[in-house]
């Protein structure tokens, strides 16, 4: 009987952990978009690094500085989709697609999309991001 409960409980726990990791990654993208430096910083591991859409490797301090309140610009409408989270114990990976609706030269709205990959580490029961990579989707 105990083995049956373990078999059912383990997948449910993994699913809950995957949902928590996916929600945390989506929240991270949203707080960045809102230039919420405090919330963003709380989600970043001390050794965080980021690969920007242009291929630059940025330290945690540089990323935090980029999102200072005095640098805030209006953000275009954003859509997050295709989020897949894969926790594995104390580490996890997430991929997602982010699309921005931006005005084009002709005034028509154009979509610019990126694929984002996250590596996270669970610290004190909460997911913190160790690295994030933004890759533009051509098309």
C-alpha atoms as a PDB file:
ATOM      1  CA  UNK A   1       0.000   0.000   0.000  1.00  0.00           C
ATOM      2  CA  UNK A   2       2.818   2.422   0.883  1.00  0.00           C
ATOM      3  CA  UNK A   3       4.497   1.852  -2.490  1.00  0.00           C
ATOM      4  CA  UNK A   4       1.283   2.748  -4.265  1.00  0.00           C
ATOM      5  CA  UNK A   5       1.115   6.053  -2.409  1.00  0.00           C
ATOM      6  CA  UNK A   6       4.751   6.815  -3.236  1.00  0.00           C
ATOM      7  CA  UNK A   7       4.156   6.138  -6.912  1.00  0.00           C
ATOM      8  CA  UNK A   8       1.253   8.568  -6.949  1.00  0.00           C
ATOM      9  CA  UNK A   9       2.820  11.207  -4.699  1.00  0.00           C
ATOM     10  CA  UNK A  10       6.137  11.474  -6.557  1.00  0.00           C
ATOM     11  CA  UNK A  11       4.645  12.483  -9.941  1.00  0.00           C
ATOM     12  CA  UNK A  12       2.251  14.906  -8.244  1.00  0.00           C
ATOM     13  CA  UNK A  13       5.133  16.546  -6.352  1.00  0.00           C
ATOM     14  CA  UNK A  14       7.194  16.783  -9.540  1.00  0.00           C
ATOM     15  CA  UNK A  15       4.262  18.346 -11.384  1.00  0.00           C
ATOM     16  CA  UNK A  16       3.770  20.896  -8.599  1.00  0.00           C
ATOM     17  CA  UNK A  17       7.506  21.697  -8.622  1.00  0.00           C
ATOM     18  CA  UNK A  18       7.425  22.116 -12.410  1.00  0.00           C
ATOM     19  CA  UNK A  19       4.433  24.444 -12.134  1.00  0.00           C
ATOM     20  CA  UNK A  20       6.162  26.501  -9.427  1.00  0.00           C
ATOM     21  CA  UNK A  21       9.329  26.764 -11.525  1.00  0.00           C
ATOM     22  CA  UNK A  22       7.387  27.761 -14.661  1.00  0.00           C
ATOM     23  CA  UNK A  23       5.400  30.393 -12.740  1.00  0.00           C
ATOM     24  CA  UNK A  24       8.596  31.765 -11.189  1.00  0.00           C
ATOM     25  CA  UNK A  25      10.259  32.110 -14.625  1.00  0.00           C
ATOM     26  CA  UNK A  26       7.203  33.865 -16.065  1.00  0.00           C
ATOM     27  CA  UNK A  27       7.078  36.180 -13.044  1.00  0.00           C
ATOM     28  CA  UNK A  28      10.782  36.964 -13.508  1.00  0.00           C
ATOM     29  CA  UNK A  29      10.158  38.075 -17.082  1.00  0.00           C
ATOM     30  CA  UNK A  30       7.197  40.220 -16.006  1.00  0.00           C
ATOM     31  CA  UNK A  31       9.032  42.005 -13.181  1.00  0.00           C
ATOM     32  CA  UNK A  32      11.929  42.747 -15.531  1.00  0.00           C
ATOM     33  CA  UNK A  33       9.486  44.166 -18.054  1.00  0.00           C
ATOM     34  CA  UNK A  34       8.039  46.364 -15.281  1.00  0.00           C
ATOM     35  CA  UNK A  35      11.541  47.426 -14.100  1.00  0.00           C
ATOM     36  CA  UNK A  36      10.740  46.077 -10.614  1.00  0.00           C
ATOM     37  CA  UNK A  37      14.337  45.915  -9.470  1.00  0.00           C
ATOM     38  CA  UNK A  38      13.586  44.649  -5.949  1.00  0.00           C
ATOM     39  CA  UNK A  39      11.426  41.729  -7.118  1.00  0.00           C
ATOM     40  CA  UNK A  40      13.866  40.866  -9.898  1.00  0.00           C
ATOM     41  CA  UNK A  41      16.869  40.935  -7.546  1.00  0.00           C
ATOM     42  CA  UNK A  42      15.098  38.609  -5.099  1.00  0.00           C
ATOM     43  CA  UNK A  43      14.744  36.021  -7.875  1.00  0.00           C
ATOM     44  CA  UNK A  44      18.411  36.138  -8.947  1.00  0.00           C
ATOM     45  CA  UNK A  45      21.100  33.923  -7.439  1.00  0.00           C
ATOM     46  CA  UNK A  46      24.190  35.737  -6.134  1.00  0.00           C
ATOM     47  CA  UNK A  47      26.215  34.235  -9.014  1.00  0.00           C
ATOM     48  CA  UNK A  48      23.614  35.101 -11.682  1.00  0.00           C
ATOM     49  CA  UNK A  49      24.744  35.849 -15.215  1.00  0.00           C
ATOM     50  CA  UNK A  50      22.803  36.577 -18.364  1.00  0.00           C
ATOM     51  CA  UNK A  51      23.389  36.263 -22.078  1.00  0.00           C
ATOM     52  CA  UNK A  52      21.632  39.151 -23.786  1.00  0.00           C
ATOM     53  CA  UNK A  53      19.843  38.970 -27.148  1.00  0.00           C
ATOM     54  CA  UNK A  54      22.984  40.442 -28.763  1.00  0.00           C
ATOM     55  CA  UNK A  55      25.230  37.794 -27.208  1.00  0.00           C
ATOM     56  CA  UNK A  56      26.817  39.819 -24.401  1.00  0.00           C
ATOM     57  CA  UNK A  57      27.461  38.086 -21.086  1.00  0.00           C
ATOM     58  CA  UNK A  58      26.249  40.342 -18.270  1.00  0.00           C
ATOM     59  CA  UNK A  59      26.901  40.008 -14.541  1.00  0.00           C
ATOM     60  CA  UNK A  60      24.152  40.198 -11.954  1.00  0.00           C
ATOM     61  CA  UNK A  61      25.199  43.749 -11.045  1.00  0.00           C
ATOM     62  CA  UNK A  62      25.110  44.920 -14.648  1.00  0.00           C
ATOM     63  CA  UNK A  63      21.643  43.441 -15.220  1.00  0.00           C
ATOM     64  CA  UNK A  64      20.314  45.002 -12.021  1.00  0.00           C
ATOM     65  CA  UNK A  65      21.795  48.361 -13.072  1.00  0.00           C
ATOM     66  CA  UNK A  66      20.091  48.141 -16.463  1.00  0.00           C
ATOM     67  CA  UNK A  67      16.715  47.922 -14.704  1.00  0.00           C
ATOM     68  CA  UNK A  68      17.200  50.992 -12.498  1.00  0.00           C
ATOM     69  CA  UNK A  69      14.037  53.075 -12.079  1.00  0.00           C
ATOM     70  CA  UNK A  70      15.578  56.104 -13.829  1.00  0.00           C
ATOM     71  CA  UNK A  71      16.174  53.988 -16.964  1.00  0.00           C
ATOM     72  CA  UNK A  72      12.599  52.732 -17.224  1.00  0.00           C
ATOM     73  CA  UNK A  73      11.016  53.045 -20.654  1.00  0.00           C
ATOM     74  CA  UNK A  74       7.462  52.139 -21.650  1.00  0.00           C
ATOM     75  CA  UNK A  75       7.462  48.447 -22.512  1.00  0.00           C
ATOM     76  CA  UNK A  76       5.622  47.147 -25.569  1.00  0.00           C
ATOM     77  CA  UNK A  77       2.851  44.592 -25.010  1.00  0.00           C
ATOM     78  CA  UNK A  78       4.383  41.199 -24.212  1.00  0.00           C
ATOM     79  CA  UNK A  79       3.124  37.642 -24.576  1.00  0.00           C
ATOM     80  CA  UNK A  80       4.699  34.655 -22.852  1.00  0.00           C
ATOM     81  CA  UNK A  81       4.016  31.228 -24.323  1.00  0.00           C
ATOM     82  CA  UNK A  82       5.425  27.736 -24.773  1.00  0.00           C
ATOM     83  CA  UNK A  83       6.746  27.631 -21.200  1.00  0.00           C
ATOM     84  CA  UNK A  84       8.256  24.263 -20.290  1.00  0.00           C
ATOM     85  CA  UNK A  85       9.842  23.689 -16.877  1.00  0.00           C
ATOM     86  CA  UNK A  86      11.950  20.665 -15.983  1.00  0.00           C
ATOM     87  CA  UNK A  87      12.960  20.498 -12.320  1.00  0.00           C
ATOM     88  CA  UNK A  88      15.514  17.886 -11.272  1.00  0.00           C
ATOM     89  CA  UNK A  89      15.921  18.011  -7.524  1.00  0.00           C
ATOM     90  CA  UNK A  90      17.584  21.274  -6.505  1.00  0.00           C
ATOM     91  CA  UNK A  91      18.181  22.456 -10.085  1.00  0.00           C
ATOM     92  CA  UNK A  92      15.804  23.135 -12.941  1.00  0.00           C
ATOM     93  CA  UNK A  93      15.618  24.362 -16.502  1.00  0.00           C
ATOM     94  CA  UNK A  94      12.911  26.407 -18.197  1.00  0.00           C
ATOM     95  CA  UNK A  95      12.357  27.393 -21.804  1.00  0.00           C
ATOM     96  CA  UNK A  96       9.753  29.818 -23.086  1.00  0.00           C
ATOM     97  CA  UNK A  97       8.885  32.100 -25.953  1.00  0.00           C
ATOM     98  CA  UNK A  98       8.453  35.826 -25.379  1.00  0.00           C
ATOM     99  CA  UNK A  99       6.877  37.992 -28.079  1.00  0.00           C
ATOM    100  CA  UNK A 100       6.695  41.782 -28.121  1.00  0.00           C
ATOM    101  CA  UNK A 101       4.204  43.714 -30.272  1.00  0.00           C
ATOM    102  CA  UNK A 102       6.162  46.697 -31.580  1.00  0.00           C
ATOM    103  CA  UNK A 103       5.247  49.439 -34.031  1.00  0.00           C
ATOM    104  CA  UNK A 104       7.023  49.026 -37.357  1.00  0.00           C
ATOM    105  CA  UNK A 105       8.357  51.709 -39.666  1.00  0.00           C
ATOM    106  CA  UNK A 106       5.084  51.675 -41.586  1.00  0.00           C
ATOM    107  CA  UNK A 107       3.041  52.064 -38.393  1.00  0.00           C
ATOM    108  CA  UNK A 108       1.845  48.469 -38.494  1.00  0.00           C
ATOM    109  CA  UNK A 109       2.407  46.311 -35.429  1.00  0.00           C
ATOM    110  CA  UNK A 110       5.210  43.788 -35.829  1.00  0.00           C
ATOM    111  CA  UNK A 111       6.010  40.911 -33.525  1.00  0.00           C
ATOM    112  CA  UNK A 112       9.556  40.416 -32.295  1.00  0.00           C
ATOM    113  CA  UNK A 113      10.071  37.129 -30.493  1.00  0.00           C
ATOM    114  CA  UNK A 114      12.785  35.538 -28.401  1.00  0.00           C
ATOM    115  CA  UNK A 115      13.410  32.084 -27.041  1.00  0.00           C
ATOM    116  CA  UNK A 116      14.534  32.250 -23.427  1.00  0.00           C
ATOM    117  CA  UNK A 117      16.379  29.555 -21.500  1.00  0.00           C
ATOM    118  CA  UNK A 118      16.724  29.595 -17.714  1.00  0.00           C
ATOM    119  CA  UNK A 119      18.790  27.555 -15.280  1.00  0.00           C
ATOM    120  CA  UNK A 120      17.512  27.746 -11.705  1.00  0.00           C
ATOM    121  CA  UNK A 121      18.614  26.487  -8.316  1.00  0.00           C
ATOM    122  CA  UNK A 122      16.307  25.914  -5.354  1.00  0.00           C
ATOM    123  CA  UNK A 123      17.479  27.867  -2.308  1.00  0.00           C
ATOM    124  CA  UNK A 124      15.475  27.707   0.909  1.00  0.00           C
ATOM    125  CA  UNK A 125      12.498  26.245  -0.922  1.00  0.00           C
ATOM    126  CA  UNK A 126      12.343  29.011  -3.565  1.00  0.00           C
ATOM    127  CA  UNK A 127      13.707  28.969  -7.112  1.00  0.00           C
ATOM    128  CA  UNK A 128      16.494  31.449  -7.910  1.00  0.00           C
ATOM    129  CA  UNK A 129      17.815  31.979 -11.409  1.00  0.00           C
ATOM    130  CA  UNK A 130      21.499  31.265 -11.982  1.00  0.00           C
ATOM    131  CA  UNK A 131      21.597  32.072 -15.676  1.00  0.00           C
ATOM    132  CA  UNK A 132      19.221  33.223 -18.392  1.00  0.00           C
ATOM    133  CA  UNK A 133      19.869  33.350 -22.130  1.00  0.00           C
ATOM    134  CA  UNK A 134      17.785  35.385 -24.579  1.00  0.00           C
ATOM    135  CA  UNK A 135      17.960  34.299 -28.230  1.00  0.00           C
ATOM    136  CA  UNK A 136      16.087  36.249 -30.926  1.00  0.00           C
ATOM    137  CA  UNK A 137      13.823  34.159 -33.147  1.00  0.00           C
ATOM    138  CA  UNK A 138      14.371  35.079 -36.768  1.00  0.00           C
ATOM    139  CA  UNK A 139      11.436  35.173 -39.025  1.00  0.00           C
END
